[in-house]
């Protein structure tokens, strides 16, 4: 038997879960980080949004690399959810909704 036919279903689901975490979780993390960075950038709003958007590509790339470096798919999802929640929470606190 070849090596391809001996892969277990659990391994295949783990890889599929990591791909989903990289694509969906990475996008959510990059989006939340973009909003947070745009709010924190010490420049006019238009420049802050522009720089935060450019930096979001680096955030997304780091998130994808981190997903495949994690020990398990569960841990990868956990880091994506935690990072997104922290960035979104801080952004919410910095906007008017957090101060009310």
C-alpha atoms as a PDB file:
ATOM      1  CA  UNK A   1       0.000   0.000   0.000  1.00  0.00           C
ATOM      2  CA  UNK A   2       1.150   3.485  -0.703  1.00  0.00           C
ATOM      3  CA  UNK A   3       1.498   6.136   1.924  1.00  0.00           C
ATOM      4  CA  UNK A   4      -1.460   8.091   0.527  1.00  0.00           C
ATOM      5  CA  UNK A   5      -3.928   5.275   1.132  1.00  0.00           C
ATOM      6  CA  UNK A   6      -2.797   4.729   4.721  1.00  0.00           C
ATOM      7  CA  UNK A   7      -3.682   8.212   5.961  1.00  0.00           C
ATOM      8  CA  UNK A   8      -6.364   7.985   8.619  1.00  0.00           C
ATOM      9  CA  UNK A   9      -9.636   9.832   8.502  1.00  0.00           C
ATOM     10  CA  UNK A  10      -8.719  11.651  11.746  1.00  0.00           C
ATOM     11  CA  UNK A  11      -5.574  13.037  10.126  1.00  0.00           C
ATOM     12  CA  UNK A  12      -7.510  14.184   7.077  1.00  0.00           C
ATOM     13  CA  UNK A  13     -10.124  15.925   9.234  1.00  0.00           C
ATOM     14  CA  UNK A  14      -7.343  17.568  11.244  1.00  0.00           C
ATOM     15  CA  UNK A  15      -5.773  18.969   8.094  1.00  0.00           C
ATOM     16  CA  UNK A  16      -9.168  20.106   6.786  1.00  0.00           C
ATOM     17  CA  UNK A  17      -9.873  21.804  10.108  1.00  0.00           C
ATOM     18  CA  UNK A  18      -6.531  23.593   9.995  1.00  0.00           C
ATOM     19  CA  UNK A  19      -7.215  24.797   6.462  1.00  0.00           C
ATOM     20  CA  UNK A  20     -10.587  26.135   7.610  1.00  0.00           C
ATOM     21  CA  UNK A  21      -8.979  27.774  10.651  1.00  0.00           C
ATOM     22  CA  UNK A  22      -6.349  29.378   8.433  1.00  0.00           C
ATOM     23  CA  UNK A  23      -8.876  30.656   5.900  1.00  0.00           C
ATOM     24  CA  UNK A  24     -11.797  31.659   8.129  1.00  0.00           C
ATOM     25  CA  UNK A  25     -10.055  32.309  11.431  1.00  0.00           C
ATOM     26  CA  UNK A  26      -7.172  34.097   9.748  1.00  0.00           C
ATOM     27  CA  UNK A  27      -9.578  36.353   7.895  1.00  0.00           C
ATOM     28  CA  UNK A  28     -11.504  37.157  11.072  1.00  0.00           C
ATOM     29  CA  UNK A  29      -8.289  37.873  12.976  1.00  0.00           C
ATOM     30  CA  UNK A  30      -6.898  40.060  10.191  1.00  0.00           C
ATOM     31  CA  UNK A  31     -10.170  41.993   9.987  1.00  0.00           C
ATOM     32  CA  UNK A  32     -10.330  42.599  13.737  1.00  0.00           C
ATOM     33  CA  UNK A  33      -6.648  43.580  13.820  1.00  0.00           C
ATOM     34  CA  UNK A  34      -7.215  46.002  10.931  1.00  0.00           C
ATOM     35  CA  UNK A  35      -9.980  47.780  12.819  1.00  0.00           C
ATOM     36  CA  UNK A  36      -7.871  47.938  15.987  1.00  0.00           C
ATOM     37  CA  UNK A  37      -4.773  49.199  14.184  1.00  0.00           C
ATOM     38  CA  UNK A  38      -6.784  51.825  12.299  1.00  0.00           C
ATOM     39  CA  UNK A  39      -8.088  53.136  15.623  1.00  0.00           C
ATOM     40  CA  UNK A  40      -4.640  53.142  17.238  1.00  0.00           C
ATOM     41  CA  UNK A  41      -2.653  54.628  14.349  1.00  0.00           C
ATOM     42  CA  UNK A  42      -1.358  58.112  15.329  1.00  0.00           C
ATOM     43  CA  UNK A  43      -2.170  59.823  12.043  1.00  0.00           C
ATOM     44  CA  UNK A  44      -5.218  61.125  10.187  1.00  0.00           C
ATOM     45  CA  UNK A  45      -7.984  58.524   9.823  1.00  0.00           C
ATOM     46  CA  UNK A  46      -7.445  57.966   6.107  1.00  0.00           C
ATOM     47  CA  UNK A  47      -3.758  57.194   6.614  1.00  0.00           C
ATOM     48  CA  UNK A  48      -4.522  54.999   9.615  1.00  0.00           C
ATOM     49  CA  UNK A  49      -6.973  52.926   7.610  1.00  0.00           C
ATOM     50  CA  UNK A  50      -4.517  52.641   4.719  1.00  0.00           C
ATOM     51  CA  UNK A  51      -1.620  51.488   6.910  1.00  0.00           C
ATOM     52  CA  UNK A  52      -3.786  49.137   8.935  1.00  0.00           C
ATOM     53  CA  UNK A  53      -5.085  47.563   5.737  1.00  0.00           C
ATOM     54  CA  UNK A  54      -1.563  47.053   4.434  1.00  0.00           C
ATOM     55  CA  UNK A  55      -0.458  45.523   7.739  1.00  0.00           C
ATOM     56  CA  UNK A  56      -3.445  43.171   7.674  1.00  0.00           C
ATOM     57  CA  UNK A  57      -1.720  41.130   4.962  1.00  0.00           C
ATOM     58  CA  UNK A  58       1.156  40.460   7.365  1.00  0.00           C
ATOM     59  CA  UNK A  59      -1.289  39.596  10.156  1.00  0.00           C
ATOM     60  CA  UNK A  60      -3.130  37.148   7.884  1.00  0.00           C
ATOM     61  CA  UNK A  61       0.131  35.539   6.784  1.00  0.00           C
ATOM     62  CA  UNK A  62       1.299  35.148  10.394  1.00  0.00           C
ATOM     63  CA  UNK A  63      -2.075  33.651  11.334  1.00  0.00           C
ATOM     64  CA  UNK A  64      -1.885  31.063   8.553  1.00  0.00           C
ATOM     65  CA  UNK A  65       1.666  30.102   9.531  1.00  0.00           C
ATOM     66  CA  UNK A  66       0.621  29.899  13.181  1.00  0.00           C
ATOM     67  CA  UNK A  67      -2.278  27.577  12.393  1.00  0.00           C
ATOM     68  CA  UNK A  68      -0.001  25.049  10.743  1.00  0.00           C
ATOM     69  CA  UNK A  69       2.642  25.349  13.482  1.00  0.00           C
ATOM     70  CA  UNK A  70       0.123  24.623  16.259  1.00  0.00           C
ATOM     71  CA  UNK A  71       0.243  21.233  17.961  1.00  0.00           C
ATOM     72  CA  UNK A  72      -3.374  20.447  17.160  1.00  0.00           C
ATOM     73  CA  UNK A  73      -6.271  21.779  15.151  1.00  0.00           C
ATOM     74  CA  UNK A  74      -8.141  22.517  18.381  1.00  0.00           C
ATOM     75  CA  UNK A  75      -5.289  24.664  19.641  1.00  0.00           C
ATOM     76  CA  UNK A  76      -5.117  26.438  16.272  1.00  0.00           C
ATOM     77  CA  UNK A  77      -8.831  27.273  16.428  1.00  0.00           C
ATOM     78  CA  UNK A  78      -8.433  28.411  20.031  1.00  0.00           C
ATOM     79  CA  UNK A  79      -5.683  30.868  19.150  1.00  0.00           C
ATOM     80  CA  UNK A  80      -7.692  32.231  16.220  1.00  0.00           C
ATOM     81  CA  UNK A  81     -10.796  32.745  18.366  1.00  0.00           C
ATOM     82  CA  UNK A  82      -8.840  34.235  21.268  1.00  0.00           C
ATOM     83  CA  UNK A  83      -6.850  36.615  19.069  1.00  0.00           C
ATOM     84  CA  UNK A  84      -9.954  37.749  17.215  1.00  0.00           C
ATOM     85  CA  UNK A  85     -11.875  38.268  20.462  1.00  0.00           C
ATOM     86  CA  UNK A  86      -9.054  40.307  22.011  1.00  0.00           C
ATOM     87  CA  UNK A  87      -8.625  42.539  18.944  1.00  0.00           C
ATOM     88  CA  UNK A  88     -12.366  43.023  18.515  1.00  0.00           C
ATOM     89  CA  UNK A  89     -12.854  43.713  22.218  1.00  0.00           C
ATOM     90  CA  UNK A  90     -10.111  46.311  22.328  1.00  0.00           C
ATOM     91  CA  UNK A  91     -11.456  47.957  19.183  1.00  0.00           C
ATOM     92  CA  UNK A  92     -14.932  48.055  20.722  1.00  0.00           C
ATOM     93  CA  UNK A  93     -13.547  49.668  23.871  1.00  0.00           C
ATOM     94  CA  UNK A  94     -11.718  52.316  21.835  1.00  0.00           C
ATOM     95  CA  UNK A  95     -14.801  53.210  19.827  1.00  0.00           C
ATOM     96  CA  UNK A  96     -17.754  55.121  21.222  1.00  0.00           C
ATOM     97  CA  UNK A  97     -19.642  51.899  22.074  1.00  0.00           C
ATOM     98  CA  UNK A  98     -17.107  50.889  24.688  1.00  0.00           C
ATOM     99  CA  UNK A  99     -17.188  54.154  26.598  1.00  0.00           C
ATOM    100  CA  UNK A 100     -20.949  54.329  27.081  1.00  0.00           C
END
